[in-house]
C-alpha atoms as a PDB file:
ATOM      1  CA  MET A   1     -67.046  59.806 -39.067  1.00  0.00           C
ATOM      2  CA  ILE A   2     -66.265  63.454 -38.496  1.00  0.00           C
ATOM      3  CA  LEU A   3     -63.565  64.984 -36.310  1.00  0.00           C
ATOM      4  CA  ALA A   4     -65.128  67.985 -34.536  1.00  0.00           C
ATOM      5  CA  LYS A   5     -64.718  70.470 -31.696  1.00  0.00           C
ATOM      6  CA  VAL A   6     -67.504  70.990 -29.167  1.00  0.00           C
ATOM      7  CA  LYS A   7     -68.593  74.633 -29.265  1.00  0.00           C
ATOM      8  CA  GLY A   8     -71.575  74.697 -26.919  1.00  0.00           C
ATOM      9  CA  ASN A   9     -74.723  73.209 -25.445  1.00  0.00           C
ATOM     10  CA  VAL A  10     -78.148  73.080 -27.048  1.00  0.00           C
ATOM     11  CA  VAL A  11     -80.986  73.891 -24.659  1.00  0.00           C
ATOM     12  CA  SER A  12     -84.578  73.087 -25.542  1.00  0.00           C
ATOM     13  CA  THR A  13     -87.765  73.600 -23.577  1.00  0.00           C
ATOM     14  CA  GLN A  14     -89.462  70.793 -25.499  1.00  0.00           C
ATOM     15  CA  LYS A  15     -87.795  67.656 -26.716  1.00  0.00           C
ATOM     16  CA  ASN A  16     -88.775  64.356 -28.266  1.00  0.00           C
ATOM     17  CA  LYS A  17     -89.664  62.031 -25.369  1.00  0.00           C
ATOM     18  CA  PHE A  18     -86.930  59.577 -26.410  1.00  0.00           C
ATOM     19  CA  LEU A  19     -84.311  62.339 -26.025  1.00  0.00           C
ATOM     20  CA  ASN A  20     -85.274  63.323 -22.468  1.00  0.00           C
ATOM     21  CA  GLY A  21     -82.256  62.995 -20.209  1.00  0.00           C
ATOM     22  CA  HIS A  22     -79.792  63.114 -23.105  1.00  0.00           C
ATOM     23  CA  LYS A  23     -77.455  66.033 -23.749  1.00  0.00           C
ATOM     24  CA  LEU A  24     -77.301  67.784 -27.125  1.00  0.00           C
ATOM     25  CA  LEU A  25     -74.085  69.579 -28.086  1.00  0.00           C
ATOM     26  CA  LEU A  26     -73.132  71.972 -30.863  1.00  0.00           C
ATOM     27  CA  VAL A  27     -70.008  70.775 -32.697  1.00  0.00           C
ATOM     28  CA  HIS A  28     -67.997  72.119 -35.648  1.00  0.00           C
ATOM     29  CA  PRO A  29     -65.816  69.983 -37.952  1.00  0.00           C
ATOM     30  CA  VAL A  30     -62.038  70.423 -37.617  1.00  0.00           C
ATOM     31  CA  ASP A  31     -58.965  69.189 -39.478  1.00  0.00           C
ATOM     32  CA  PHE A  32     -56.100  67.199 -37.930  1.00  0.00           C
ATOM     33  CA  ASN A  33     -54.548  70.467 -36.656  1.00  0.00           C
ATOM     34  CA  ASN A  34     -57.776  71.462 -34.846  1.00  0.00           C
ATOM     35  CA  ASN A  35     -58.543  74.225 -37.378  1.00  0.00           C
ATOM     36  CA  LEU A  36     -62.251  74.736 -38.025  1.00  0.00           C
ATOM     37  CA  VAL A  37     -63.338  73.597 -41.487  1.00  0.00           C
ATOM     38  CA  GLY A  38     -66.604  74.186 -43.297  1.00  0.00           C
ATOM     39  CA  ILE A  39     -69.241  76.739 -42.444  1.00  0.00           C
ATOM     40  CA  ARG A  40     -71.862  74.726 -40.566  1.00  0.00           C
ATOM     41  CA  ASP A  41     -72.211  73.711 -36.964  1.00  0.00           C
ATOM     42  CA  ILE A  42     -73.801  70.329 -36.221  1.00  0.00           C
ATOM     43  CA  ILE A  43     -76.093  69.318 -33.363  1.00  0.00           C
ATOM     44  CA  ALA A  44     -75.014  65.952 -31.948  1.00  0.00           C
ATOM     45  CA  LEU A  45     -76.406  63.703 -29.246  1.00  0.00           C
ATOM     46  CA  ASP A  46     -73.841  63.159 -26.478  1.00  0.00           C
ATOM     47  CA  LEU A  47     -73.911  59.985 -24.371  1.00  0.00           C
ATOM     48  CA  ILE A  48     -70.215  60.041 -23.377  1.00  0.00           C
ATOM     49  CA  ASP A  49     -70.138  63.312 -21.389  1.00  0.00           C
ATOM     50  CA  ALA A  50     -68.030  65.449 -23.741  1.00  0.00           C
ATOM     51  CA  GLY A  51     -67.568  69.091 -22.822  1.00  0.00           C
ATOM     52  CA  ILE A  52     -67.063  72.445 -24.485  1.00  0.00           C
ATOM     53  CA  GLY A  53     -63.628  72.619 -26.106  1.00  0.00           C
ATOM     54  CA  ASP A  54     -63.227  68.845 -26.447  1.00  0.00           C
ATOM     55  CA  ILE A  55     -62.201  67.332 -29.764  1.00  0.00           C
ATOM     56  CA  VAL A  56     -64.631  64.503 -30.514  1.00  0.00           C
ATOM     57  CA  LEU A  57     -65.364  61.835 -33.084  1.00  0.00           C
ATOM     58  CA  VAL A  58     -68.882  62.180 -34.482  1.00  0.00           C
ATOM     59  CA  ALA A  59     -70.874  59.478 -36.263  1.00  0.00           C
ATOM     60  CA  GLN A  60     -73.388  60.820 -38.737  1.00  0.00           C
ATOM     61  CA  GLU A  61     -75.288  57.794 -39.972  1.00  0.00           C
ATOM     62  CA  GLY A  62     -78.788  56.806 -38.888  1.00  0.00           C
ATOM     63  CA  ASP A  63     -78.420  53.012 -38.717  1.00  0.00           C
ATOM     64  CA  ALA A  64     -75.281  53.175 -36.566  1.00  0.00           C
ATOM     65  CA  ILE A  65     -76.956  55.606 -34.169  1.00  0.00           C
ATOM     66  CA  GLN A  66     -80.021  53.385 -33.881  1.00  0.00           C
ATOM     67  CA  GLN A  67     -77.804  50.404 -33.038  1.00  0.00           C
ATOM     68  CA  ILE A  68     -75.993  52.393 -30.341  1.00  0.00           C
ATOM     69  CA  LEU A  69     -79.287  53.616 -28.838  1.00  0.00           C
ATOM     70  CA  GLY A  70     -80.883  50.176 -29.134  1.00  0.00           C
ATOM     71  CA  HIS A  71     -84.048  51.528 -30.780  1.00  0.00           C
ATOM     72  CA  SER A  72     -85.201  53.590 -33.736  1.00  0.00           C
ATOM     73  CA  ASN A  73     -87.675  55.803 -31.887  1.00  0.00           C
ATOM     74  CA  ALA A  74     -85.467  58.879 -31.385  1.00  0.00           C
ATOM     75  CA  PRO A  75     -85.057  61.270 -34.340  1.00  0.00           C
ATOM     76  CA  VAL A  76     -81.246  61.175 -34.195  1.00  0.00           C
ATOM     77  CA  ASN A  77     -78.803  61.106 -37.094  1.00  0.00           C
ATOM     78  CA  THR A  78     -75.650  62.456 -35.407  1.00  0.00           C
ATOM     79  CA  MET A  79     -73.949  61.280 -32.209  1.00  0.00           C
ATOM     80  CA  ILE A  80     -70.660  61.873 -30.435  1.00  0.00           C
ATOM     81  CA  VAL A  81     -69.017  58.463 -30.112  1.00  0.00           C
ATOM     82  CA  ALA A  82     -65.580  59.321 -28.638  1.00  0.00           C
ATOM     83  CA  VAL A  83     -63.510  62.066 -27.061  1.00  0.00           C
ATOM     84  CA  VAL A  84     -60.162  62.316 -28.889  1.00  0.00           C
ATOM     85  CA  ASP A  85     -57.149  62.528 -26.582  1.00  0.00           C
ATOM     86  CA  ASN A  86     -54.409  62.546 -29.194  1.00  0.00           C
ATOM     87  CA  ILE A  87     -53.950  62.433 -32.970  1.00  0.00           C
ATOM     88  CA  GLU A  88     -50.841  60.816 -34.389  1.00  0.00           C
ATOM     89  CA  ILE A  89     -50.292  60.746 -38.151  1.00  0.00           C
ATOM     90  CA  ASN A  90     -47.905  58.240 -39.727  1.00  0.00           C
ATOM     91  CA  ASN A  91     -46.523  59.578 -43.026  1.00  0.00           C
ATOM     92  CA  ASP A  92     -44.569  56.402 -43.934  1.00  0.00           C
ATOM     93  CA  PHE A  93     -46.962  55.450 -46.740  1.00  0.00           C
END
């Protein structure tokens, strides 16, 4: 799982037929203080209606994505699985 911030939309004139009707978003990994980390953006399938500026939880594992979609026909490895409302860290350990 990756914590990430949605940076933008991905628009494509042609798409795999199993992705038609699904939104693709550009996300960038962040730390717990919402600071961007790493140098690469990631394209993620969005089925939960996240928007630009949202902090999201991203799954990046093929089998989990196939289980969520219910098939293995779409060429998807990365999917937004939750919009994060709040992060609370317990330092009592």
